[in-house]
Amino acid sequence: MSTKLFEPITFQNMTLKNRIVMSPMCMYSCDEQDGKVTNWHKTHYTSRAVGQVGLIIVEASAVHPQGRISMEDLGIWNDEQVEGLSTLADLVHEQDSKIGIQLAHAGRKAIVDGPIYSSSPVPYKEGMEIPLELTLDQIKQTVEDFRQAARRSREAGFDVIEIHGAHGYLINQFLSPLINQRNDQYGGTKEKRFRILREIITAVKSEWVGPIFVRISANDYKASGYTVEDYIDYAQWMKDLGVDLIDCSSGGVVPAKINPYPGYQVQYAEKLREEASIATGAVGMITSPLHAEEILQNGRADLVFLARELLRDPYWPRRAAKELNVELLPPKQYERGW
């Protein structure tokens, strides 16, 4: 039986050599707080490419300085940041891996100096700062910020864009009825709550030629919040807009008790793949190569996203290849040790 984990897969003009994806994980390493790539980022991401990860998605990169998760986040809100991102893309490409970037706005979960914004003036939890409700003009500008970020992503040479619509950040704050209390064209119904994401996807596509992924939180883990059943419509709408893959995470929009276990979010990838007929990525405490292979062999997802496991082991694909009896060619510099 062929091994799915090391089987290539193509999305539009991008072919991945395997199904192993590095999930975006914030590094909090822009010490100058300017959003620019540092030597740490170059070492961190390139080492995973050397380790033969098929697709590396760079951490949440803010489309606006007030949209940073922290002041030390990467940014893509001005043209000066493109040079470092371009160098990063070149370094990963030299190792025959693909590289994506996650475009993000933290909304009310931003930890920055100055005001924070959300779909509605609802704090993340009691005692935290009350965000300002985005005006219609500010929403329009936010959509434009994503469009400009897509242009910079293209200029930097990335292979894929992932739009961050999960974990309680700005887009998720519009999608979820737990937060979005608006009475205008951006709230009140499921279709209206989806409107900002629709506009952002359309704006990104106006500047970007290539695959688009969207990360979602498929379960709010709260009464009156959304479950994966509610996201079937969203997934179908995204597919109609030209989105290539849904990256299925969960939680983060409100404080909630979550019971994590290996593969606890795979069910969401499987459900949306089946019900919306769209490619999905599975994520969530996936550490075993056999588990990753099972997910793919059983058609539960199309890609396997690894996060903390790739922090522990940059060469996880080598371990996976050994366990699955697959010949994995190393960089020629490493052949003597392979």
C-alpha atoms as a PDB file:
ATOM      1  CA  MET A   1       0.000   0.000   0.000  1.00  0.00           C
ATOM      2  CA  SER A   2       1.357   3.426  -0.915  1.00  0.00           C
ATOM      3  CA  THR A   3       2.114   5.895   1.860  1.00  0.00           C
ATOM      4  CA  LYS A   4      -0.140   8.955   1.750  1.00  0.00           C
ATOM      5  CA  LEU A   5       1.955  11.148   4.068  1.00  0.00           C
ATOM      6  CA  PHE A   6       4.753  11.335   1.497  1.00  0.00           C
ATOM      7  CA  GLU A   7       2.510  11.494  -1.550  1.00  0.00           C
ATOM      8  CA  PRO A   8       2.643  14.825  -3.452  1.00  0.00           C
ATOM      9  CA  ILE A   9      -0.463  16.973  -3.682  1.00  0.00           C
ATOM     10  CA  THR A  10      -1.230  19.944  -5.917  1.00  0.00           C
ATOM     11  CA  PHE A  11      -3.255  23.075  -5.205  1.00  0.00           C
ATOM     12  CA  GLN A  12      -3.540  25.253  -8.311  1.00  0.00           C
ATOM     13  CA  ASN A  13       0.058  26.129  -9.283  1.00  0.00           C
ATOM     14  CA  MET A  14       1.671  24.690  -6.132  1.00  0.00           C
ATOM     15  CA  THR A  15       2.732  21.063  -5.709  1.00  0.00           C
ATOM     16  CA  LEU A  16       3.797  19.918  -2.260  1.00  0.00           C
ATOM     17  CA  LYS A  17       6.297  17.059  -2.122  1.00  0.00           C
ATOM     18  CA  ASN A  18       4.512  15.603   0.907  1.00  0.00           C
ATOM     19  CA  ARG A  19       1.431  16.218   3.089  1.00  0.00           C
ATOM     20  CA  ILE A  20       3.373  17.486   6.137  1.00  0.00           C
ATOM     21  CA  VAL A  21       2.650  21.122   7.022  1.00  0.00           C
ATOM     22  CA  MET A  22       4.175  23.278   9.723  1.00  0.00           C
ATOM     23  CA  SER A  23       1.373  25.205  11.409  1.00  0.00           C
ATOM     24  CA  PRO A  24       1.874  28.928  11.981  1.00  0.00           C
ATOM     25  CA  MET A  25       3.148  29.537  15.501  1.00  0.00           C
ATOM     26  CA  CYS A  26       4.039  32.977  16.844  1.00  0.00           C
ATOM     27  CA  MET A  27       7.721  33.353  17.696  1.00  0.00           C
ATOM     28  CA  TYR A  28       7.496  36.747  19.463  1.00  0.00           C
ATOM     29  CA  SER A  29      10.945  37.501  18.095  1.00  0.00           C
ATOM     30  CA  CYS A  30      10.734  40.964  16.502  1.00  0.00           C
ATOM     31  CA  ASP A  31      12.751  42.573  19.292  1.00  0.00           C
ATOM     32  CA  GLU A  32      12.665  45.990  17.590  1.00  0.00           C
ATOM     33  CA  GLN A  33       8.862  45.763  17.427  1.00  0.00           C
ATOM     34  CA  ASP A  34       9.009  46.702  13.764  1.00  0.00           C
ATOM     35  CA  GLY A  35       7.472  43.501  12.406  1.00  0.00           C
ATOM     36  CA  LYS A  36      10.586  42.677  10.382  1.00  0.00           C
ATOM     37  CA  VAL A  37      12.159  39.253   9.878  1.00  0.00           C
ATOM     38  CA  THR A  38      15.126  38.593  12.170  1.00  0.00           C
ATOM     39  CA  ASN A  39      17.945  36.047  12.093  1.00  0.00           C
ATOM     40  CA  TRP A  40      15.872  33.888  14.436  1.00  0.00           C
ATOM     41  CA  HIS A  41      13.080  33.590  11.878  1.00  0.00           C
ATOM     42  CA  LYS A  42      15.566  32.661   9.159  1.00  0.00           C
ATOM     43  CA  THR A  43      17.089  29.916  11.303  1.00  0.00           C
ATOM     44  CA  HIS A  44      13.791  28.653  12.682  1.00  0.00           C
ATOM     45  CA  TYR A  45      11.876  28.253   9.428  1.00  0.00           C
ATOM     46  CA  THR A  46      14.768  27.143   7.242  1.00  0.00           C
ATOM     47  CA  SER A  47      15.680  24.352   9.657  1.00  0.00           C
ATOM     48  CA  ARG A  48      12.226  22.820   9.135  1.00  0.00           C
ATOM     49  CA  ALA A  49      12.747  23.013   5.385  1.00  0.00           C
ATOM     50  CA  VAL A  50      16.055  21.201   5.826  1.00  0.00           C
ATOM     51  CA  GLY A  51      14.050  18.672   7.826  1.00  0.00           C
ATOM     52  CA  GLN A  52      11.901  18.046   4.706  1.00  0.00           C
ATOM     53  CA  VAL A  53       8.597  19.598   5.811  1.00  0.00           C
ATOM     54  CA  GLY A  54       6.554  19.979   2.635  1.00  0.00           C
ATOM     55  CA  LEU A  55       4.877  23.294   3.461  1.00  0.00           C
ATOM     56  CA  ILE A  56       5.954  25.785   6.098  1.00  0.00           C
ATOM     57  CA  ILE A  57       3.408  28.444   7.061  1.00  0.00           C
ATOM     58  CA  VAL A  58       4.972  31.497   8.654  1.00  0.00           C
ATOM     59  CA  GLU A  59       3.429  32.723  11.889  1.00  0.00           C
ATOM     60  CA  ALA A  60       0.508  35.148  12.085  1.00  0.00           C
ATOM     61  CA  SER A  61       1.756  38.280  10.329  1.00  0.00           C
ATOM     62  CA  ALA A  62      -0.224  41.377  11.139  1.00  0.00           C
ATOM     63  CA  VAL A  63      -1.833  43.362   8.326  1.00  0.00           C
ATOM     64  CA  HIS A  64      -1.969  46.423  10.620  1.00  0.00           C
ATOM     65  CA  PRO A  65       0.252  47.386  13.591  1.00  0.00           C
ATOM     66  CA  GLN A  66      -2.817  47.505  15.883  1.00  0.00           C
ATOM     67  CA  GLY A  67      -3.663  43.989  14.761  1.00  0.00           C
ATOM     68  CA  ARG A  68      -0.617  42.325  16.282  1.00  0.00           C
ATOM     69  CA  ILE A  69      -1.117  39.554  18.805  1.00  0.00           C
ATOM     70  CA  SER A  70       1.947  40.998  20.525  1.00  0.00           C
ATOM     71  CA  MET A  71       4.295  43.878  19.842  1.00  0.00           C
ATOM     72  CA  GLU A  72       6.983  41.333  18.875  1.00  0.00           C
ATOM     73  CA  ASP A  73       4.960  39.745  16.056  1.00  0.00           C
ATOM     74  CA  LEU A  74       5.939  39.665  12.420  1.00  0.00           C
ATOM     75  CA  GLY A  75       4.160  42.204  10.258  1.00  0.00           C
ATOM     76  CA  ILE A  76       3.223  42.712   6.655  1.00  0.00           C
ATOM     77  CA  TRP A  77       1.632  46.146   6.953  1.00  0.00           C
ATOM     78  CA  ASN A  78       4.316  48.111   5.092  1.00  0.00           C
ATOM     79  CA  ASP A  79       6.604  47.632   2.107  1.00  0.00           C
ATOM     80  CA  GLU A  80       9.751  47.785   4.251  1.00  0.00           C
ATOM     81  CA  GLN A  81       8.868  44.376   5.678  1.00  0.00           C
ATOM     82  CA  VAL A  82       8.889  42.676   2.265  1.00  0.00           C
ATOM     83  CA  GLU A  83      12.671  42.373   1.940  1.00  0.00           C
ATOM     84  CA  GLY A  84      13.057  40.149   5.002  1.00  0.00           C
ATOM     85  CA  LEU A  85      10.042  38.037   4.066  1.00  0.00           C
ATOM     86  CA  SER A  86      11.475  37.599   0.577  1.00  0.00           C
ATOM     87  CA  THR A  87      14.785  36.397   2.018  1.00  0.00           C
ATOM     88  CA  LEU A  88      12.885  33.938   4.189  1.00  0.00           C
ATOM     89  CA  ALA A  89      10.957  32.598   1.195  1.00  0.00           C
ATOM     90  CA  ASP A  90      14.182  32.186  -0.796  1.00  0.00           C
ATOM     91  CA  LEU A  91      15.854  30.255   2.039  1.00  0.00           C
ATOM     92  CA  VAL A  92      12.974  27.807   2.278  1.00  0.00           C
ATOM     93  CA  HIS A  93      12.771  27.377  -1.494  1.00  0.00           C
ATOM     94  CA  GLU A  94      16.480  26.520  -1.594  1.00  0.00           C
ATOM     95  CA  GLN A  95      15.610  23.414   0.438  1.00  0.00           C
ATOM     96  CA  ASP A  96      12.861  22.349  -2.002  1.00  0.00           C
ATOM     97  CA  SER A  97      10.019  23.154   0.387  1.00  0.00           C
ATOM     98  CA  LYS A  98       7.075  25.487  -0.101  1.00  0.00           C
ATOM     99  CA  ILE A  99       6.307  28.434   2.133  1.00  0.00           C
ATOM    100  CA  GLY A 100       3.090  30.199   3.045  1.00  0.00           C
ATOM    101  CA  ILE A 101       2.232  33.179   5.191  1.00  0.00           C
ATOM    102  CA  GLN A 102      -0.696  33.595   7.562  1.00  0.00           C
ATOM    103  CA  LEU A 103      -2.316  37.024   7.240  1.00  0.00           C
ATOM    104  CA  ALA A 104      -3.851  38.081  10.521  1.00  0.00           C
ATOM    105  CA  HIS A 105      -5.517  40.775  12.580  1.00  0.00           C
ATOM    106  CA  ALA A 106      -5.900  40.073  16.294  1.00  0.00           C
ATOM    107  CA  GLY A 107      -8.826  42.410  16.906  1.00  0.00           C
ATOM    108  CA  ARG A 108      -9.753  42.543  20.593  1.00  0.00           C
ATOM    109  CA  LYS A 109      -7.038  40.011  21.490  1.00  0.00           C
ATOM    110  CA  ALA A 110      -4.244  42.348  20.373  1.00  0.00           C
ATOM    111  CA  ILE A 111      -1.727  43.228  23.063  1.00  0.00           C
ATOM    112  CA  VAL A 112      -0.427  46.529  21.775  1.00  0.00           C
ATOM    113  CA  ASP A 113      -0.130  50.158  22.788  1.00  0.00           C
ATOM    114  CA  GLY A 114      -3.190  52.196  21.898  1.00  0.00           C
ATOM    115  CA  PRO A 115      -6.761  51.218  21.035  1.00  0.00           C
ATOM    116  CA  ILE A 116      -7.917  47.733  20.119  1.00  0.00           C
ATOM    117  CA  TYR A 117     -10.867  46.936  17.876  1.00  0.00           C
ATOM    118  CA  SER A 118     -13.485  44.245  17.382  1.00  0.00           C
ATOM    119  CA  SER A 119     -16.756  43.536  15.642  1.00  0.00           C
ATOM    120  CA  SER A 120     -18.532  44.711  18.817  1.00  0.00           C
ATOM    121  CA  PRO A 121     -17.439  46.397  22.071  1.00  0.00           C
ATOM    122  CA  VAL A 122     -17.243  43.129  24.020  1.00  0.00           C
ATOM    123  CA  PRO A 123     -14.070  42.333  26.002  1.00  0.00           C
ATOM    124  CA  TYR A 124     -12.484  38.891  25.767  1.00  0.00           C
ATOM    125  CA  LYS A 125     -13.152  38.314  29.442  1.00  0.00           C
ATOM    126  CA  GLU A 126     -14.112  40.294  32.511  1.00  0.00           C
ATOM    127  CA  GLY A 127     -11.496  42.830  33.526  1.00  0.00           C
ATOM    128  CA  MET A 128      -9.899  43.075  30.096  1.00  0.00           C
ATOM    129  CA  GLU A 129      -9.949  46.179  27.918  1.00  0.00           C
ATOM    130  CA  ILE A 130     -13.209  46.905  26.120  1.00  0.00           C
ATOM    131  CA  PRO A 131     -12.489  47.098  22.390  1.00  0.00           C
ATOM    132  CA  LEU A 132     -13.803  49.796  20.101  1.00  0.00           C
ATOM    133  CA  GLU A 133     -16.384  48.688  17.559  1.00  0.00           C
ATOM    134  CA  LEU A 134     -15.029  49.003  14.045  1.00  0.00           C
ATOM    135  CA  THR A 135     -16.867  51.621  12.003  1.00  0.00           C
ATOM    136  CA  LEU A 136     -17.892  50.875   8.428  1.00  0.00           C
ATOM    137  CA  ASP A 137     -14.983  52.979   7.178  1.00  0.00           C
ATOM    138  CA  GLN A 138     -12.590  51.075   9.431  1.00  0.00           C
ATOM    139  CA  ILE A 139     -13.935  47.759   8.160  1.00  0.00           C
ATOM    140  CA  LYS A 140     -13.348  48.971   4.619  1.00  0.00           C
ATOM    141  CA  GLN A 141      -9.787  49.927   5.550  1.00  0.00           C
ATOM    142  CA  THR A 142      -9.209  46.538   7.210  1.00  0.00           C
ATOM    143  CA  VAL A 143     -10.248  44.769   4.017  1.00  0.00           C
ATOM    144  CA  GLU A 144      -7.834  47.029   2.140  1.00  0.00           C
ATOM    145  CA  ASP A 145      -5.094  46.132   4.646  1.00  0.00           C
ATOM    146  CA  PHE A 146      -5.561  42.455   3.770  1.00  0.00           C
ATOM    147  CA  ARG A 147      -5.461  43.287   0.067  1.00  0.00           C
ATOM    148  CA  GLN A 148      -2.179  45.163   0.426  1.00  0.00           C
ATOM    149  CA  ALA A 149      -0.784  42.330   2.544  1.00  0.00           C
ATOM    150  CA  ALA A 150      -1.652  39.902  -0.256  1.00  0.00           C
ATOM    151  CA  ARG A 151       0.241  42.102  -2.722  1.00  0.00           C
ATOM    152  CA  ARG A 152       3.281  42.108  -0.439  1.00  0.00           C
ATOM    153  CA  SER A 153       2.998  38.336  -0.041  1.00  0.00           C
ATOM    154  CA  ARG A 154       3.133  37.966  -3.815  1.00  0.00           C
ATOM    155  CA  GLU A 155       6.110  40.307  -4.080  1.00  0.00           C
ATOM    156  CA  ALA A 156       7.920  38.383  -1.343  1.00  0.00           C
ATOM    157  CA  GLY A 157       7.551  35.118  -3.267  1.00  0.00           C
ATOM    158  CA  PHE A 158       5.285  33.090  -1.008  1.00  0.00           C
ATOM    159  CA  ASP A 159       3.530  30.017  -2.411  1.00  0.00           C
ATOM    160  CA  VAL A 160       0.286  30.147  -0.430  1.00  0.00           C
ATOM    161  CA  ILE A 161      -1.663  32.609   1.696  1.00  0.00           C
ATOM    162  CA  GLU A 162      -3.557  31.481   4.771  1.00  0.00           C
ATOM    163  CA  ILE A 163      -6.168  33.900   6.099  1.00  0.00           C
ATOM    164  CA  HIS A 164      -6.456  33.651   9.876  1.00  0.00           C
ATOM    165  CA  GLY A 165     -10.130  33.336  10.722  1.00  0.00           C
ATOM    166  CA  ALA A 166      -9.680  31.333  13.923  1.00  0.00           C
ATOM    167  CA  HIS A 167      -8.692  31.446  17.598  1.00  0.00           C
ATOM    168  CA  GLY A 168     -10.820  34.417  18.506  1.00  0.00           C
ATOM    169  CA  TYR A 169      -8.987  36.959  16.370  1.00  0.00           C
ATOM    170  CA  LEU A 170     -10.729  39.665  14.369  1.00  0.00           C
ATOM    171  CA  ILE A 171     -12.327  37.627  11.586  1.00  0.00           C
ATOM    172  CA  ASN A 172     -13.479  35.040  14.124  1.00  0.00           C
ATOM    173  CA  GLN A 173     -14.950  37.909  16.169  1.00  0.00           C
ATOM    174  CA  PHE A 174     -17.168  38.748  13.212  1.00  0.00           C
ATOM    175  CA  LEU A 175     -18.090  35.135  12.404  1.00  0.00           C
ATOM    176  CA  SER A 176     -19.143  34.090  15.899  1.00  0.00           C
ATOM    177  CA  PRO A 177     -22.579  35.068  17.247  1.00  0.00           C
ATOM    178  CA  LEU A 178     -21.046  35.068  20.731  1.00  0.00           C
ATOM    179  CA  ILE A 179     -19.167  38.273  19.909  1.00  0.00           C
ATOM    180  CA  ASN A 180     -20.784  39.886  16.890  1.00  0.00           C
ATOM    181  CA  GLN A 181     -23.692  41.991  18.177  1.00  0.00           C
ATOM    182  CA  ARG A 182     -23.891  44.336  15.196  1.00  0.00           C
ATOM    183  CA  ASN A 183     -27.165  45.397  13.602  1.00  0.00           C
ATOM    184  CA  ASP A 184     -25.726  46.598  10.288  1.00  0.00           C
ATOM    185  CA  GLN A 185     -24.648  44.727   7.156  1.00  0.00           C
ATOM    186  CA  TYR A 186     -21.915  42.912   9.122  1.00  0.00           C
ATOM    187  CA  GLY A 187     -24.084  41.339  11.811  1.00  0.00           C
ATOM    188  CA  GLY A 188     -27.453  39.909  12.744  1.00  0.00           C
ATOM    189  CA  THR A 189     -27.515  36.895  10.410  1.00  0.00           C
ATOM    190  CA  LYS A 190     -25.077  34.188   9.450  1.00  0.00           C
ATOM    191  CA  GLU A 191     -24.660  35.669   5.982  1.00  0.00           C
ATOM    192  CA  LYS A 192     -23.964  39.144   7.351  1.00  0.00           C
ATOM    193  CA  ARG A 193     -21.463  37.859   9.912  1.00  0.00           C
ATOM    194  CA  PHE A 194     -19.637  36.169   7.030  1.00  0.00           C
ATOM    195  CA  ARG A 195     -19.534  39.359   4.981  1.00  0.00           C
ATOM    196  CA  ILE A 196     -16.148  40.642   6.180  1.00  0.00           C
ATOM    197  CA  LEU A 197     -14.479  37.314   5.416  1.00  0.00           C
ATOM    198  CA  ARG A 198     -16.136  37.279   1.997  1.00  0.00           C
ATOM    199  CA  GLU A 199     -14.765  40.757   1.300  1.00  0.00           C
ATOM    200  CA  ILE A 200     -11.304  39.849   2.580  1.00  0.00           C
ATOM    201  CA  ILE A 201     -11.117  36.704   0.419  1.00  0.00           C
ATOM    202  CA  THR A 202     -12.222  38.718  -2.619  1.00  0.00           C
ATOM    203  CA  ALA A 203      -9.669  41.434  -1.865  1.00  0.00           C
ATOM    204  CA  VAL A 204      -6.863  38.919  -1.415  1.00  0.00           C
ATOM    205  CA  LYS A 205      -7.747  37.222  -4.706  1.00  0.00           C
ATOM    206  CA  SER A 206      -7.518  40.573  -6.501  1.00  0.00           C
ATOM    207  CA  GLU A 207      -3.770  40.673  -5.712  1.00  0.00           C
ATOM    208  CA  TRP A 208      -2.886  37.017  -5.371  1.00  0.00           C
ATOM    209  CA  VAL A 209      -2.545  34.237  -7.931  1.00  0.00           C
ATOM    210  CA  GLY A 210      -2.183  30.940  -6.123  1.00  0.00           C
ATOM    211  CA  PRO A 211      -3.699  28.789  -3.381  1.00  0.00           C
ATOM    212  CA  ILE A 212      -5.624  30.376  -0.516  1.00  0.00           C
ATOM    213  CA  PHE A 213      -6.188  28.563   2.770  1.00  0.00           C
ATOM    214  CA  VAL A 214      -8.417  29.782   5.600  1.00  0.00           C
ATOM    215  CA  ARG A 215      -7.913  28.753   9.217  1.00  0.00           C
ATOM    216  CA  ILE A 216     -11.133  28.467  11.179  1.00  0.00           C
ATOM    217  CA  SER A 217     -12.230  27.645  14.707  1.00  0.00           C
ATOM    218  CA  ALA A 218     -14.856  25.003  14.000  1.00  0.00           C
ATOM    219  CA  ASN A 219     -16.161  24.861  17.574  1.00  0.00           C
ATOM    220  CA  ASP A 220     -16.683  27.730  20.021  1.00  0.00           C
ATOM    221  CA  TYR A 221     -17.081  25.269  22.940  1.00  0.00           C
ATOM    222  CA  LYS A 222     -19.810  27.458  24.394  1.00  0.00           C
ATOM    223  CA  ALA A 223     -23.596  27.356  24.521  1.00  0.00           C
ATOM    224  CA  SER A 224     -25.117  29.548  21.776  1.00  0.00           C
ATOM    225  CA  GLY A 225     -21.778  29.488  19.973  1.00  0.00           C
ATOM    226  CA  TYR A 226     -20.962  27.763  16.725  1.00  0.00           C
ATOM    227  CA  THR A 227     -20.175  24.099  16.199  1.00  0.00           C
ATOM    228  CA  VAL A 228     -18.783  22.408  13.118  1.00  0.00           C
ATOM    229  CA  GLU A 229     -22.339  22.010  11.812  1.00  0.00           C
ATOM    230  CA  ASP A 230     -22.592  25.794  11.535  1.00  0.00           C
ATOM    231  CA  TYR A 231     -19.312  25.926   9.661  1.00  0.00           C
ATOM    232  CA  ILE A 232     -20.557  23.705   6.848  1.00  0.00           C
ATOM    233  CA  ASP A 233     -22.262  26.730   5.278  1.00  0.00           C
ATOM    234  CA  TYR A 234     -19.180  28.881   5.803  1.00  0.00           C
ATOM    235  CA  ALA A 235     -16.974  26.207   4.214  1.00  0.00           C
ATOM    236  CA  GLN A 236     -19.263  25.936   1.184  1.00  0.00           C
ATOM    237  CA  TRP A 237     -19.290  29.711   0.768  1.00  0.00           C
ATOM    238  CA  MET A 238     -15.499  29.818   0.988  1.00  0.00           C
ATOM    239  CA  LYS A 239     -15.224  27.086  -1.613  1.00  0.00           C
ATOM    240  CA  ASP A 240     -17.504  29.093  -3.932  1.00  0.00           C
ATOM    241  CA  LEU A 241     -15.185  32.081  -3.445  1.00  0.00           C
ATOM    242  CA  GLY A 242     -12.179  30.044  -4.566  1.00  0.00           C
ATOM    243  CA  VAL A 243     -10.651  29.007  -1.250  1.00  0.00           C
ATOM    244  CA  ASP A 244      -8.570  25.856  -1.744  1.00  0.00           C
ATOM    245  CA  LEU A 245      -8.383  24.411   1.773  1.00  0.00           C
ATOM    246  CA  ILE A 246      -9.897  24.882   5.229  1.00  0.00           C
ATOM    247  CA  ASP A 247      -7.390  24.551   8.084  1.00  0.00           C
ATOM    248  CA  CYS A 248      -9.580  23.164  10.866  1.00  0.00           C
ATOM    249  CA  SER A 249      -8.731  24.305  14.374  1.00  0.00           C
ATOM    250  CA  SER A 250     -11.126  25.244  17.187  1.00  0.00           C
ATOM    251  CA  GLY A 251     -11.722  27.447  20.223  1.00  0.00           C
ATOM    252  CA  GLY A 252     -10.311  30.796  21.291  1.00  0.00           C
ATOM    253  CA  VAL A 253     -13.189  33.159  20.651  1.00  0.00           C
ATOM    254  CA  VAL A 254     -14.298  33.102  24.312  1.00  0.00           C
ATOM    255  CA  PRO A 255     -12.783  31.500  27.406  1.00  0.00           C
ATOM    256  CA  ALA A 256     -13.943  27.875  27.446  1.00  0.00           C
ATOM    257  CA  LYS A 257     -13.046  24.515  28.878  1.00  0.00           C
ATOM    258  CA  ILE A 258     -11.512  22.283  26.210  1.00  0.00           C
ATOM    259  CA  ASN A 259     -10.554  18.646  26.638  1.00  0.00           C
ATOM    260  CA  PRO A 260      -7.633  18.144  24.247  1.00  0.00           C
ATOM    261  CA  TYR A 261      -6.345  14.712  23.230  1.00  0.00           C
ATOM    262  CA  PRO A 262      -4.364  13.437  20.232  1.00  0.00           C
ATOM    263  CA  GLY A 263      -6.368  14.240  17.129  1.00  0.00           C
ATOM    264  CA  TYR A 264      -9.239  15.912  18.974  1.00  0.00           C
ATOM    265  CA  GLN A 265      -9.791  18.379  16.111  1.00  0.00           C
ATOM    266  CA  VAL A 266      -9.518  15.881  13.244  1.00  0.00           C
ATOM    267  CA  GLN A 267     -13.282  15.332  13.390  1.00  0.00           C
ATOM    268  CA  TYR A 268     -13.793  18.900  12.163  1.00  0.00           C
ATOM    269  CA  ALA A 269     -11.546  18.423   9.136  1.00  0.00           C
ATOM    270  CA  GLU A 270     -13.321  15.171   8.338  1.00  0.00           C
ATOM    271  CA  LYS A 271     -16.796  16.681   8.677  1.00  0.00           C
ATOM    272  CA  LEU A 272     -16.137  19.712   6.474  1.00  0.00           C
ATOM    273  CA  ARG A 273     -14.274  17.657   3.878  1.00  0.00           C
ATOM    274  CA  GLU A 274     -17.268  15.348   3.571  1.00  0.00           C
ATOM    275  CA  GLU A 275     -20.120  17.848   3.862  1.00  0.00           C
ATOM    276  CA  ALA A 276     -18.659  20.799   1.935  1.00  0.00           C
ATOM    277  CA  SER A 277     -16.541  18.813  -0.550  1.00  0.00           C
ATOM    278  CA  ILE A 278     -13.494  20.977   0.112  1.00  0.00           C
ATOM    279  CA  ALA A 279      -9.922  20.020   0.965  1.00  0.00           C
ATOM    280  CA  THR A 280      -9.104  20.256   4.657  1.00  0.00           C
ATOM    281  CA  GLY A 281      -6.125  20.263   6.965  1.00  0.00           C
ATOM    282  CA  ALA A 282      -6.112  18.337  10.240  1.00  0.00           C
ATOM    283  CA  VAL A 283      -4.406  19.822  13.282  1.00  0.00           C
ATOM    284  CA  GLY A 284      -4.318  19.237  17.020  1.00  0.00           C
ATOM    285  CA  MET A 285      -1.817  17.189  19.038  1.00  0.00           C
ATOM    286  CA  ILE A 286      -0.868  15.028  16.061  1.00  0.00           C
ATOM    287  CA  THR A 287       2.564  13.657  16.950  1.00  0.00           C
ATOM    288  CA  SER A 288       2.687  10.069  15.695  1.00  0.00           C
ATOM    289  CA  PRO A 289       3.556   9.286  12.061  1.00  0.00           C
ATOM    290  CA  LEU A 290       1.154   6.340  12.156  1.00  0.00           C
ATOM    291  CA  HIS A 291      -1.623   8.631  13.359  1.00  0.00           C
ATOM    292  CA  ALA A 292      -0.868  11.130  10.574  1.00  0.00           C
ATOM    293  CA  GLU A 293      -0.919   8.339   8.007  1.00  0.00           C
ATOM    294  CA  GLU A 294      -4.222   6.993   9.352  1.00  0.00           C
ATOM    295  CA  ILE A 295      -5.858  10.407   8.982  1.00  0.00           C
ATOM    296  CA  LEU A 296      -4.853  10.607   5.327  1.00  0.00           C
ATOM    297  CA  GLN A 297      -5.497   6.964   4.420  1.00  0.00           C
ATOM    298  CA  ASN A 298      -9.026   7.161   5.796  1.00  0.00           C
ATOM    299  CA  GLY A 299      -9.800  10.339   3.869  1.00  0.00           C
ATOM    300  CA  ARG A 300     -10.302  12.406   7.005  1.00  0.00           C
ATOM    301  CA  ALA A 301      -8.134  15.284   5.712  1.00  0.00           C
ATOM    302  CA  ASP A 302      -5.822  16.167   2.839  1.00  0.00           C
ATOM    303  CA  LEU A 303      -2.932  17.663   4.811  1.00  0.00           C
ATOM    304  CA  VAL A 304      -1.600  17.107   8.313  1.00  0.00           C
ATOM    305  CA  PHE A 305      -0.582  20.232  10.213  1.00  0.00           C
ATOM    306  CA  LEU A 306       2.014  19.829  12.965  1.00  0.00           C
ATOM    307  CA  ALA A 307       2.735  22.519  15.519  1.00  0.00           C
ATOM    308  CA  ARG A 308       4.533  21.861  18.816  1.00  0.00           C
ATOM    309  CA  GLU A 309       5.862  18.519  17.582  1.00  0.00           C
ATOM    310  CA  LEU A 310       7.931  20.399  14.993  1.00  0.00           C
ATOM    311  CA  LEU A 311       9.278  22.636  17.738  1.00  0.00           C
ATOM    312  CA  ARG A 312      10.476  19.520  19.533  1.00  0.00           C
ATOM    313  CA  ASP A 313      11.763  17.807  16.404  1.00  0.00           C
ATOM    314  CA  PRO A 314      12.586  19.835  13.266  1.00  0.00           C
ATOM    315  CA  TYR A 315      13.373  16.543  11.502  1.00  0.00           C
ATOM    316  CA  TRP A 316      10.059  14.852  12.249  1.00  0.00           C
ATOM    317  CA  PRO A 317       9.616  13.927   8.543  1.00  0.00           C
ATOM    318  CA  ARG A 318      12.761  11.780   8.761  1.00  0.00           C
ATOM    319  CA  ARG A 319      11.348   9.922  11.763  1.00  0.00           C
ATOM    320  CA  ALA A 320       8.034   9.509   9.949  1.00  0.00           C
ATOM    321  CA  ALA A 321       9.752   8.124   6.864  1.00  0.00           C
ATOM    322  CA  LYS A 322      11.616   5.538   8.945  1.00  0.00           C
ATOM    323  CA  GLU A 323       8.449   4.408  10.729  1.00  0.00           C
ATOM    324  CA  LEU A 324       6.498   4.204   7.469  1.00  0.00           C
ATOM    325  CA  ASN A 325       9.321   2.515   5.526  1.00  0.00           C
ATOM    326  CA  VAL A 326       9.675   5.357   3.036  1.00  0.00           C
ATOM    327  CA  GLU A 327      12.989   6.387   1.503  1.00  0.00           C
ATOM    328  CA  LEU A 328      13.479  10.080   2.202  1.00  0.00           C
ATOM    329  CA  LEU A 329      16.371  11.781   0.463  1.00  0.00           C
ATOM    330  CA  PRO A 330      18.257  14.185   2.733  1.00  0.00           C
ATOM    331  CA  PRO A 331      20.069  17.342   1.706  1.00  0.00           C
ATOM    332  CA  LYS A 332      23.340  16.203   0.118  1.00  0.00           C
ATOM    333  CA  GLN A 333      25.253  17.786   2.976  1.00  0.00           C
ATOM    334  CA  TYR A 334      23.590  15.325   5.368  1.00  0.00           C
ATOM    335  CA  GLU A 335      23.903  12.152   3.298  1.00  0.00           C
ATOM    336  CA  ARG A 336      26.838  10.828   5.338  1.00  0.00           C
ATOM    337  CA  GLY A 337      24.646  10.832   8.456  1.00  0.00           C
ATOM    338  CA  TRP A 338      21.474   9.494   6.909  1.00  0.00           C
END
